[in-house]
Amino acid sequence: MTAILAALVEFGPWVLGALGVLFGMFRHQQAKSTEAAANQKAAEADARAAQVDAVQAKANQDAARAGADNAKVRRDEDAAAAGEPDANRVLHDEWGK
């Protein structure tokens, strides 16, 4: 029994040290795989954000084009209306006869 205790006292720290190194290697490998998975998810999120930005830029471009088209229609209508006689004057002239 004393021989076992003597062996544990003599080799115990070495065994614990070796177990600590093995545990550290295992945790390091686990951390690397977790980091790789997190980097993959971050890359996917960045790709989705880029897609959203592209769609938003296209929508903004379409909205600007629609606004320009509406402004042109408004200018054309204002120009056409400027050539027409004033409605109040026409009514006044018609009723004044």
PDB file of N, CA and C in Angstrom:
ATOM      1  N   MET A   1       0.822  -1.186   0.000  1.00  0.00           N
ATOM      2  CA  MET A   1       0.000   0.000   0.000  1.00  0.00           C
ATOM      3  C   MET A   1       0.866   1.249   0.000  1.00  0.00           C
ATOM      4  N   THR A   2       1.934   1.165   0.766  1.00  0.00           N
ATOM      5  CA  THR A   2       2.833   2.312   0.832  1.00  0.00           C
ATOM      6  C   THR A   2       3.539   2.516  -0.501  1.00  0.00           C
ATOM      7  N   ALA A   3       3.770   1.463  -1.213  1.00  0.00           N
ATOM      8  CA  ALA A   3       4.426   1.578  -2.507  1.00  0.00           C
ATOM      9  C   ALA A   3       3.522   2.312  -3.503  1.00  0.00           C
ATOM     10  N   ILE A   4       2.224   2.046  -3.394  1.00  0.00           N
ATOM     11  CA  ILE A   4       1.270   2.724  -4.282  1.00  0.00           C
ATOM     12  C   ILE A   4       1.223   4.212  -3.962  1.00  0.00           C
ATOM     13  N   LEU A   5       1.182   4.539  -2.691  1.00  0.00           N
ATOM     14  CA  LEU A   5       1.165   5.948  -2.286  1.00  0.00           C
ATOM     15  C   LEU A   5       2.457   6.637  -2.698  1.00  0.00           C
ATOM     16  N   ALA A   6       3.559   5.946  -2.551  1.00  0.00           N
ATOM     17  CA  ALA A   6       4.838   6.526  -2.951  1.00  0.00           C
ATOM     18  C   ALA A   6       4.861   6.763  -4.467  1.00  0.00           C
ATOM     19  N   ALA A   7       4.298   5.827  -5.242  1.00  0.00           N
ATOM     20  CA  ALA A   7       4.257   5.986  -6.701  1.00  0.00           C
ATOM     21  C   ALA A   7       3.345   7.140  -7.090  1.00  0.00           C
ATOM     22  N   LEU A   8       2.211   7.280  -6.396  1.00  0.00           N
ATOM     23  CA  LEU A   8       1.294   8.391  -6.676  1.00  0.00           C
ATOM     24  C   LEU A   8       1.942   9.730  -6.364  1.00  0.00           C
ATOM     25  N   VAL A   9       2.655   9.793  -5.282  1.00  0.00           N
ATOM     26  CA  VAL A   9       3.318  11.040  -4.918  1.00  0.00           C
ATOM     27  C   VAL A   9       4.421  11.359  -5.922  1.00  0.00           C
ATOM     28  N   GLU A  10       5.107  10.339  -6.402  1.00  0.00           N
ATOM     29  CA  GLU A  10       6.207  10.571  -7.318  1.00  0.00           C
ATOM     30  C   GLU A  10       5.718  10.855  -8.747  1.00  0.00           C
ATOM     31  N   PHE A  11       4.746  10.087  -9.215  1.00  0.00           N
ATOM     32  CA  PHE A  11       4.299  10.227 -10.612  1.00  0.00           C
ATOM     33  C   PHE A  11       2.992  11.005 -10.766  1.00  0.00           C
ATOM     34  N   GLY A  12       2.311  11.280  -9.675  1.00  0.00           N
ATOM     35  CA  GLY A  12       1.025  11.986  -9.718  1.00  0.00           C
ATOM     36  C   GLY A  12       1.100  13.334 -10.432  1.00  0.00           C
ATOM     37  N   PRO A  13       2.056  14.183 -10.094  1.00  0.00           N
ATOM     38  CA  PRO A  13       2.130  15.472 -10.778  1.00  0.00           C
ATOM     39  C   PRO A  13       2.382  15.333 -12.279  1.00  0.00           C
ATOM     40  N   TRP A  14       3.169  14.320 -12.653  1.00  0.00           N
ATOM     41  CA  TRP A  14       3.427  14.115 -14.083  1.00  0.00           C
ATOM     42  C   TRP A  14       2.155  13.674 -14.807  1.00  0.00           C
ATOM     43  N   VAL A  15       1.398  12.818 -14.172  1.00  0.00           N
ATOM     44  CA  VAL A  15       0.141  12.339 -14.773  1.00  0.00           C
ATOM     45  C   VAL A  15      -0.843  13.500 -14.889  1.00  0.00           C
ATOM     46  N   LEU A  16      -0.950  14.285 -13.813  1.00  0.00           N
ATOM     47  CA  LEU A  16      -1.851  15.438 -13.851  1.00  0.00           C
ATOM     48  C   LEU A  16      -1.411  16.448 -14.913  1.00  0.00           C
ATOM     49  N   GLY A  17      -0.121  16.648 -15.040  1.00  0.00           N
ATOM     50  CA  GLY A  17       0.395  17.562 -16.067  1.00  0.00           C
ATOM     51  C   GLY A  17       0.061  17.068 -17.469  1.00  0.00           C
ATOM     52  N   ALA A  18       0.236  15.779 -17.702  1.00  0.00           N
ATOM     53  CA  ALA A  18      -0.074  15.204 -19.015  1.00  0.00           C
ATOM     54  C   ALA A  18      -1.568  15.312 -19.303  1.00  0.00           C
ATOM     55  N   LEU A  19      -2.398  15.047 -18.282  1.00  0.00           N
ATOM     56  CA  LEU A  19      -3.846  15.192 -18.464  1.00  0.00           C
ATOM     57  C   LEU A  19      -4.221  16.645 -18.756  1.00  0.00           C
ATOM     58  N   GLY A  20      -3.547  17.570 -18.095  1.00  0.00           N
ATOM     59  CA  GLY A  20      -3.798  18.991 -18.353  1.00  0.00           C
ATOM     60  C   GLY A  20      -3.442  19.379 -19.776  1.00  0.00           C
ATOM     61  N   VAL A  21      -2.323  18.858 -20.281  1.00  0.00           N
ATOM     62  CA  VAL A  21      -1.922  19.143 -21.664  1.00  0.00           C
ATOM     63  C   VAL A  21      -2.938  18.548 -22.633  1.00  0.00           C
ATOM     64  N   LEU A  22      -3.375  17.329 -22.401  1.00  0.00           N
ATOM     65  CA  LEU A  22      -4.379  16.712 -23.270  1.00  0.00           C
ATOM     66  C   LEU A  22      -5.695  17.504 -23.246  1.00  0.00           C
ATOM     67  N   PHE A  23      -6.104  17.928 -22.059  1.00  0.00           N
ATOM     68  CA  PHE A  23      -7.324  18.720 -21.931  1.00  0.00           C
ATOM     69  C   PHE A  23      -7.181  20.042 -22.681  1.00  0.00           C
ATOM     70  N   GLY A  24      -6.028  20.683 -22.558  1.00  0.00           N
ATOM     71  CA  GLY A  24      -5.780  21.940 -23.266  1.00  0.00           C
ATOM     72  C   GLY A  24      -5.817  21.757 -24.774  1.00  0.00           C
ATOM     73  N   MET A  25      -5.241  20.664 -25.266  1.00  0.00           N
ATOM     74  CA  MET A  25      -5.257  20.389 -26.701  1.00  0.00           C
ATOM     75  C   MET A  25      -6.695  20.159 -27.183  1.00  0.00           C
ATOM     76  N   PHE A  26      -7.474  19.435 -26.398  1.00  0.00           N
ATOM     77  CA  PHE A  26      -8.863  19.173 -26.764  1.00  0.00           C
ATOM     78  C   PHE A  26      -9.666  20.473 -26.802  1.00  0.00           C
ATOM     79  N   ARG A  27      -9.508  21.303 -25.787  1.00  0.00           N
ATOM     80  CA  ARG A  27     -10.253  22.578 -25.732  1.00  0.00           C
ATOM     81  C   ARG A  27      -9.800  23.517 -26.852  1.00  0.00           C
ATOM     82  N   HIS A  28      -8.524  23.492 -27.188  1.00  0.00           N
ATOM     83  CA  HIS A  28      -8.028  24.345 -28.269  1.00  0.00           C
ATOM     84  C   HIS A  28      -8.653  23.926 -29.598  1.00  0.00           C
ATOM     85  N   GLN A  29      -8.706  22.628 -29.850  1.00  0.00           N
ATOM     86  CA  GLN A  29      -9.323  22.132 -31.088  1.00  0.00           C
ATOM     87  C   GLN A  29     -10.809  22.476 -31.115  1.00  0.00           C
ATOM     88  N   GLN A  30     -11.477  22.343 -29.983  1.00  0.00           N
ATOM     89  CA  GLN A  30     -12.897  22.675 -29.903  1.00  0.00           C
ATOM     90  C   GLN A  30     -13.114  24.165 -30.162  1.00  0.00           C
ATOM     91  N   ALA A  31     -12.250  25.012 -29.640  1.00  0.00           N
ATOM     92  CA  ALA A  31     -12.356  26.449 -29.860  1.00  0.00           C
ATOM     93  C   ALA A  31     -12.120  26.798 -31.332  1.00  0.00           C
ATOM     94  N   LYS A  32     -11.184  26.117 -31.978  1.00  0.00           N
ATOM     95  CA  LYS A  32     -10.925  26.380 -33.392  1.00  0.00           C
ATOM     96  C   LYS A  32     -12.140  26.035 -34.245  1.00  0.00           C
ATOM     97  N   SER A  33     -12.787  24.906 -33.950  1.00  0.00           N
ATOM     98  CA  SER A  33     -13.963  24.522 -34.741  1.00  0.00           C
ATOM     99  C   SER A  33     -15.128  25.463 -34.466  1.00  0.00           C
ATOM    100  N   THR A  34     -15.280  25.913 -33.232  1.00  0.00           N
ATOM    101  CA  THR A  34     -16.337  26.877 -32.908  1.00  0.00           C
ATOM    102  C   THR A  34     -16.076  28.204 -33.602  1.00  0.00           C
ATOM    103  N   GLU A  35     -14.831  28.638 -33.631  1.00  0.00           N
ATOM    104  CA  GLU A  35     -14.479  29.890 -34.305  1.00  0.00           C
ATOM    105  C   GLU A  35     -14.728  29.783 -35.807  1.00  0.00           C
ATOM    106  N   ALA A  36     -14.418  28.632 -36.388  1.00  0.00           N
ATOM    107  CA  ALA A  36     -14.656  28.448 -37.820  1.00  0.00           C
ATOM    108  C   ALA A  36     -16.155  28.515 -38.130  1.00  0.00           C
ATOM    109  N   ALA A  37     -16.974  27.920 -37.283  1.00  0.00           N
ATOM    110  CA  ALA A  37     -18.427  27.974 -37.494  1.00  0.00           C
ATOM    111  C   ALA A  37     -18.933  29.403 -37.354  1.00  0.00           C
ATOM    112  N   ALA A  38     -18.407  30.136 -36.387  1.00  0.00           N
ATOM    113  CA  ALA A  38     -18.828  31.525 -36.205  1.00  0.00           C
ATOM    114  C   ALA A  38     -18.402  32.386 -37.391  1.00  0.00           C
ATOM    115  N   ASN A  39     -17.208  32.171 -37.903  1.00  0.00           N
ATOM    116  CA  ASN A  39     -16.748  32.913 -39.082  1.00  0.00           C
ATOM    117  C   ASN A  39     -17.619  32.606 -40.296  1.00  0.00           C
ATOM    118  N   GLN A  40     -18.044  31.349 -40.432  1.00  0.00           N
ATOM    119  CA  GLN A  40     -18.919  30.971 -41.548  1.00  0.00           C
ATOM    120  C   GLN A  40     -20.263  31.690 -41.434  1.00  0.00           C
ATOM    121  N   LYS A  41     -20.832  31.726 -40.235  1.00  0.00           N
ATOM    122  CA  LYS A  41     -22.110  32.417 -40.042  1.00  0.00           C
ATOM    123  C   LYS A  41     -21.965  33.917 -40.301  1.00  0.00           C
ATOM    124  N   ALA A  42     -20.847  34.484 -39.900  1.00  0.00           N
ATOM    125  CA  ALA A  42     -20.614  35.915 -40.143  1.00  0.00           C
ATOM    126  C   ALA A  42     -20.502  36.189 -41.636  1.00  0.00           C
ATOM    127  N   ALA A  43     -19.849  35.308 -42.366  1.00  0.00           N
ATOM    128  CA  ALA A  43     -19.730  35.483 -43.819  1.00  0.00           C
ATOM    129  C   ALA A  43     -21.096  35.377 -44.488  1.00  0.00           C
ATOM    130  N   GLU A  44     -21.929  34.448 -44.023  1.00  0.00           N
ATOM    131  CA  GLU A  44     -23.277  34.323 -44.576  1.00  0.00           C
ATOM    132  C   GLU A  44     -24.106  35.566 -44.277  1.00  0.00           C
ATOM    133  N   ALA A  45     -23.969  36.095 -43.073  1.00  0.00           N
ATOM    134  CA  ALA A  45     -24.706  37.313 -42.714  1.00  0.00           C
ATOM    135  C   ALA A  45     -24.241  38.499 -43.551  1.00  0.00           C
ATOM    136  N   ASP A  46     -22.942  38.589 -43.793  1.00  0.00           N
ATOM    137  CA  ASP A  46     -22.426  39.667 -44.645  1.00  0.00           C
ATOM    138  C   ASP A  46     -22.949  39.542 -46.072  1.00  0.00           C
ATOM    139  N   ALA A  47     -23.049  38.311 -46.571  1.00  0.00           N
ATOM    140  CA  ALA A  47     -23.571  38.103 -47.924  1.00  0.00           C
ATOM    141  C   ALA A  47     -25.038  38.509 -47.994  1.00  0.00           C
ATOM    142  N   ARG A  48     -25.818  38.152 -46.964  1.00  0.00           N
ATOM    143  CA  ARG A  48     -27.229  38.557 -46.943  1.00  0.00           C
ATOM    144  C   ARG A  48     -27.360  40.067 -46.855  1.00  0.00           C
ATOM    145  N   ALA A  49     -26.510  40.709 -46.078  1.00  0.00           N
ATOM    146  CA  ALA A  49     -26.546  42.172 -45.966  1.00  0.00           C
ATOM    147  C   ALA A  49     -26.204  42.823 -47.300  1.00  0.00           C
ATOM    148  N   ALA A  50     -25.262  42.252 -48.023  1.00  0.00           N
ATOM    149  CA  ALA A  50     -24.913  42.786 -49.344  1.00  0.00           C
ATOM    150  C   ALA A  50     -26.080  42.636 -50.310  1.00  0.00           C
ATOM    151  N   GLN A  51     -26.794  41.524 -50.228  1.00  0.00           N
ATOM    152  CA  GLN A  51     -27.968  41.336 -51.081  1.00  0.00           C
ATOM    153  C   GLN A  51     -29.048  42.366 -50.756  1.00  0.00           C
ATOM    154  N   VAL A  52     -29.272  42.602 -49.472  1.00  0.00           N
ATOM    155  CA  VAL A  52     -30.273  43.589 -49.062  1.00  0.00           C
ATOM    156  C   VAL A  52     -29.868  44.977 -49.542  1.00  0.00           C
ATOM    157  N   ASP A  53     -28.590  45.307 -49.435  1.00  0.00           N
ATOM    158  CA  ASP A  53     -28.112  46.609 -49.902  1.00  0.00           C
ATOM    159  C   ASP A  53     -28.321  46.758 -51.404  1.00  0.00           C
ATOM    160  N   ALA A  54     -28.084  45.688 -52.161  1.00  0.00           N
ATOM    161  CA  ALA A  54     -28.265  45.748 -53.612  1.00  0.00           C
ATOM    162  C   ALA A  54     -29.734  45.946 -53.966  1.00  0.00           C
ATOM    163  N   VAL A  55     -30.611  45.246 -53.277  1.00  0.00           N
ATOM    164  CA  VAL A  55     -32.052  45.393 -53.533  1.00  0.00           C
ATOM    165  C   VAL A  55     -32.508  46.800 -53.164  1.00  0.00           C
ATOM    166  N   GLN A  56     -32.005  47.307 -52.054  1.00  0.00           N
ATOM    167  CA  GLN A  56     -32.381  48.654 -51.622  1.00  0.00           C
ATOM    168  C   GLN A  56     -31.868  49.700 -52.618  1.00  0.00           C
ATOM    169  N   ALA A  57     -30.675  49.527 -53.133  1.00  0.00           N
ATOM    170  CA  ALA A  57     -30.142  50.468 -54.123  1.00  0.00           C
ATOM    171  C   ALA A  57     -30.990  50.441 -55.394  1.00  0.00           C
ATOM    172  N   LYS A  58     -31.411  49.251 -55.812  1.00  0.00           N
ATOM    173  CA  LYS A  58     -32.270  49.131 -56.997  1.00  0.00           C
ATOM    174  C   LYS A  58     -33.611  49.809 -56.744  1.00  0.00           C
ATOM    175  N   ALA A  59     -34.178  49.625 -55.565  1.00  0.00           N
ATOM    176  CA  ALA A  59     -35.457  50.263 -55.237  1.00  0.00           C
ATOM    177  C   ALA A  59     -35.317  51.784 -55.219  1.00  0.00           C
ATOM    178  N   ASN A  60     -34.210  52.273 -54.671  1.00  0.00           N
ATOM    179  CA  ASN A  60     -33.976  53.721 -54.657  1.00  0.00           C
ATOM    180  C   ASN A  60     -33.831  54.260 -56.081  1.00  0.00           C
ATOM    181  N   GLN A  61     -33.159  53.507 -56.938  1.00  0.00           N
ATOM    182  CA  GLN A  61     -32.988  53.923 -58.327  1.00  0.00           C
ATOM    183  C   GLN A  61     -34.346  53.957 -59.036  1.00  0.00           C
ATOM    184  N   ASP A  62     -35.160  52.944 -58.813  1.00  0.00           N
ATOM    185  CA  ASP A  62     -36.492  52.919 -59.425  1.00  0.00           C
ATOM    186  C   ASP A  62     -37.358  54.061 -58.918  1.00  0.00           C
ATOM    187  N   ALA A  63     -37.263  54.362 -57.627  1.00  0.00           N
ATOM    188  CA  ALA A  63     -38.040  55.456 -57.054  1.00  0.00           C
ATOM    189  C   ALA A  63     -37.594  56.797 -57.628  1.00  0.00           C
ATOM    190  N   ALA A  64     -36.297  56.985 -57.807  1.00  0.00           N
ATOM    191  CA  ALA A  64     -35.793  58.228 -58.388  1.00  0.00           C
ATOM    192  C   ALA A  64     -36.268  58.370 -59.833  1.00  0.00           C
ATOM    193  N   ARG A  65     -36.254  57.272 -60.572  1.00  0.00           N
ATOM    194  CA  ARG A  65     -36.725  57.302 -61.962  1.00  0.00           C
ATOM    195  C   ARG A  65     -38.217  57.641 -61.996  1.00  0.00           C
ATOM    196  N   ALA A  66     -39.004  57.035 -61.106  1.00  0.00           N
ATOM    197  CA  ALA A  66     -40.439  57.323 -61.055  1.00  0.00           C
ATOM    198  C   ALA A  66     -40.678  58.780 -60.682  1.00  0.00           C
ATOM    199  N   GLY A  67     -39.896  59.308 -59.757  1.00  0.00           N
ATOM    200  CA  GLY A  67     -40.026  60.709 -59.375  1.00  0.00           C
ATOM    201  C   GLY A  67     -39.713  61.640 -60.534  1.00  0.00           C
ATOM    202  N   ALA A  68     -38.685  61.315 -61.288  1.00  0.00           N
ATOM    203  CA  ALA A  68     -38.335  62.134 -62.451  1.00  0.00           C
ATOM    204  C   ALA A  68     -39.436  62.063 -63.505  1.00  0.00           C
ATOM    205  N   ASP A  69     -39.996  60.877 -63.708  1.00  0.00           N
ATOM    206  CA  ASP A  69     -41.100  60.737 -64.671  1.00  0.00           C
ATOM    207  C   ASP A  69     -42.314  61.545 -64.217  1.00  0.00           C
ATOM    208  N   ASN A  70     -42.613  61.493 -62.929  1.00  0.00           N
ATOM    209  CA  ASN A  70     -43.749  62.245 -62.402  1.00  0.00           C
ATOM    210  C   ASN A  70     -43.518  63.747 -62.533  1.00  0.00           C
ATOM    211  N   ALA A  71     -42.292  64.191 -62.312  1.00  0.00           N
ATOM    212  CA  ALA A  71     -41.978  65.613 -62.448  1.00  0.00           C
ATOM    213  C   ALA A  71     -42.156  66.056 -63.904  1.00  0.00           C
ATOM    214  N   LYS A  72     -41.758  65.213 -64.849  1.00  0.00           N
ATOM    215  CA  LYS A  72     -41.931  65.546 -66.267  1.00  0.00           C
ATOM    216  C   LYS A  72     -43.414  65.640 -66.604  1.00  0.00           C
ATOM    217  N   VAL A  73     -44.204  64.693 -66.139  1.00  0.00           N
ATOM    218  CA  VAL A  73     -45.651  64.730 -66.394  1.00  0.00           C
ATOM    219  C   VAL A  73     -46.247  65.995 -65.798  1.00  0.00           C
ATOM    220  N   ARG A  74     -45.832  66.349 -64.594  1.00  0.00           N
ATOM    221  CA  ARG A  74     -46.347  67.557 -63.947  1.00  0.00           C
ATOM    222  C   ARG A  74     -45.970  68.804 -64.750  1.00  0.00           C
ATOM    223  N   ARG A  75     -44.729  68.872 -65.240  1.00  0.00           N
ATOM    224  CA  ARG A  75     -44.310  70.017 -66.064  1.00  0.00           C
ATOM    225  C   ARG A  75     -45.150  70.110 -67.324  1.00  0.00           C
ATOM    226  N   ASP A  76     -45.367  68.960 -67.974  1.00  0.00           N
ATOM    227  CA  ASP A  76     -46.159  68.944 -69.193  1.00  0.00           C
ATOM    228  C   ASP A  76     -47.599  69.386 -68.921  1.00  0.00           C
ATOM    229  N   GLU A  77     -48.155  68.907 -67.801  1.00  0.00           N
ATOM    230  CA  GLU A  77     -49.529  69.302 -67.458  1.00  0.00           C
ATOM    231  C   GLU A  77     -49.600  70.783 -67.115  1.00  0.00           C
ATOM    232  N   ASP A  78     -48.606  71.287 -66.383  1.00  0.00           N
ATOM    233  CA  ASP A  78     -48.592  72.713 -66.053  1.00  0.00           C
ATOM    234  C   ASP A  78     -48.458  73.558 -67.313  1.00  0.00           C
ATOM    235  N   ALA A  79     -47.639  73.106 -68.259  1.00  0.00           N
ATOM    236  CA  ALA A  79     -47.467  73.851 -69.504  1.00  0.00           C
ATOM    237  C   ALA A  79     -48.766  73.843 -70.309  1.00  0.00           C
ATOM    238  N   ALA A  80     -49.432  72.705 -70.330  1.00  0.00           N
ATOM    239  CA  ALA A  80     -50.697  72.612 -71.056  1.00  0.00           C
ATOM    240  C   ALA A  80     -51.761  73.475 -70.391  1.00  0.00           C
ATOM    241  N   ALA A  81     -51.773  73.479 -69.066  1.00  0.00           N
ATOM    242  CA  ALA A  81     -52.762  74.273 -68.339  1.00  0.00           C
ATOM    243  C   ALA A  81     -52.483  75.763 -68.494  1.00  0.00           C
ATOM    244  N   ALA A  82     -51.227  76.130 -68.661  1.00  0.00           N
ATOM    245  CA  ALA A  82     -50.894  77.547 -68.825  1.00  0.00           C
ATOM    246  C   ALA A  82     -51.417  78.082 -70.153  1.00  0.00           C
ATOM    247  N   GLY A  83     -51.549  77.227 -71.135  1.00  0.00           N
ATOM    248  CA  GLY A  83     -52.055  77.643 -72.433  1.00  0.00           C
ATOM    249  C   GLY A  83     -53.571  77.756 -72.469  1.00  0.00           C
ATOM    250  N   GLU A  84     -54.245  77.183 -71.509  1.00  0.00           N
ATOM    251  CA  GLU A  84     -55.709  77.229 -71.450  1.00  0.00           C
ATOM    252  C   GLU A  84     -56.154  78.525 -70.776  1.00  0.00           C
ATOM    253  N   PRO A  85     -57.307  79.052 -71.143  1.00  0.00           N
ATOM    254  CA  PRO A  85     -57.809  80.254 -70.464  1.00  0.00           C
ATOM    255  C   PRO A  85     -58.231  79.939 -69.040  1.00  0.00           C
ATOM    256  N   ASP A  86     -58.201  80.955 -68.194  1.00  0.00           N
ATOM    257  CA  ASP A  86     -58.571  80.813 -66.795  1.00  0.00           C
ATOM    258  C   ASP A  86     -60.049  80.445 -66.698  1.00  0.00           C
ATOM    259  N   ALA A  87     -60.384  79.430 -65.915  1.00  0.00           N
ATOM    260  CA  ALA A  87     -61.763  78.955 -65.818  1.00  0.00           C
ATOM    261  C   ALA A  87     -62.677  80.041 -65.246  1.00  0.00           C
ATOM    262  N   ASN A  88     -62.212  80.798 -64.267  1.00  0.00           N
ATOM    263  CA  ASN A  88     -63.041  81.861 -63.690  1.00  0.00           C
ATOM    264  C   ASN A  88     -63.355  82.931 -64.743  1.00  0.00           C
ATOM    265  N   ARG A  89     -62.375  83.272 -65.543  1.00  0.00           N
ATOM    266  CA  ARG A  89     -62.598  84.287 -66.569  1.00  0.00           C
ATOM    267  C   ARG A  89     -63.597  83.782 -67.614  1.00  0.00           C
ATOM    268  N   VAL A  90     -63.473  82.508 -68.002  1.00  0.00           N
ATOM    269  CA  VAL A  90     -64.405  81.952 -68.987  1.00  0.00           C
ATOM    270  C   VAL A  90     -65.822  81.980 -68.442  1.00  0.00           C
ATOM    271  N   LEU A  91     -66.004  81.559 -67.192  1.00  0.00           N
ATOM    272  CA  LEU A  91     -67.338  81.579 -66.598  1.00  0.00           C
ATOM    273  C   LEU A  91     -67.875  83.011 -66.495  1.00  0.00           C
ATOM    274  N   HIS A  92     -67.035  83.913 -66.102  1.00  0.00           N
ATOM    275  CA  HIS A  92     -67.434  85.323 -65.966  1.00  0.00           C
ATOM    276  C   HIS A  92     -67.845  85.893 -67.317  1.00  0.00           C
ATOM    277  N   ASP A  93     -67.060  85.564 -68.349  1.00  0.00           N
ATOM    278  CA  ASP A  93     -67.378  86.047 -69.679  1.00  0.00           C
ATOM    279  C   ASP A  93     -68.686  85.442 -70.197  1.00  0.00           C
ATOM    280  N   GLU A  94     -68.879  84.151 -69.918  1.00  0.00           N
ATOM    281  CA  GLU A  94     -70.071  83.471 -70.390  1.00  0.00           C
ATOM    282  C   GLU A  94     -71.318  84.014 -69.672  1.00  0.00           C
ATOM    283  N   TRP A  95     -71.212  84.241 -68.373  1.00  0.00           N
ATOM    284  CA  TRP A  95     -72.381  84.713 -67.622  1.00  0.00           C
ATOM    285  C   TRP A  95     -72.643  86.205 -67.872  1.00  0.00           C
ATOM    286  N   GLY A  96     -71.612  86.902 -68.265  1.00  0.00           N
ATOM    287  CA  GLY A  96     -71.776  88.321 -68.511  1.00  0.00           C
ATOM    288  C   GLY A  96     -72.460  88.628 -69.818  1.00  0.00           C
ATOM    289  N   LYS A  97     -72.660  87.702 -70.670  1.00  0.00           N
ATOM    290  CA  LYS A  97     -73.282  87.949 -71.973  1.00  0.00           C
ATOM    291  C   LYS A  97     -74.741  88.202 -71.867  1.00  0.00           C
TER     292      LYS A  97
END
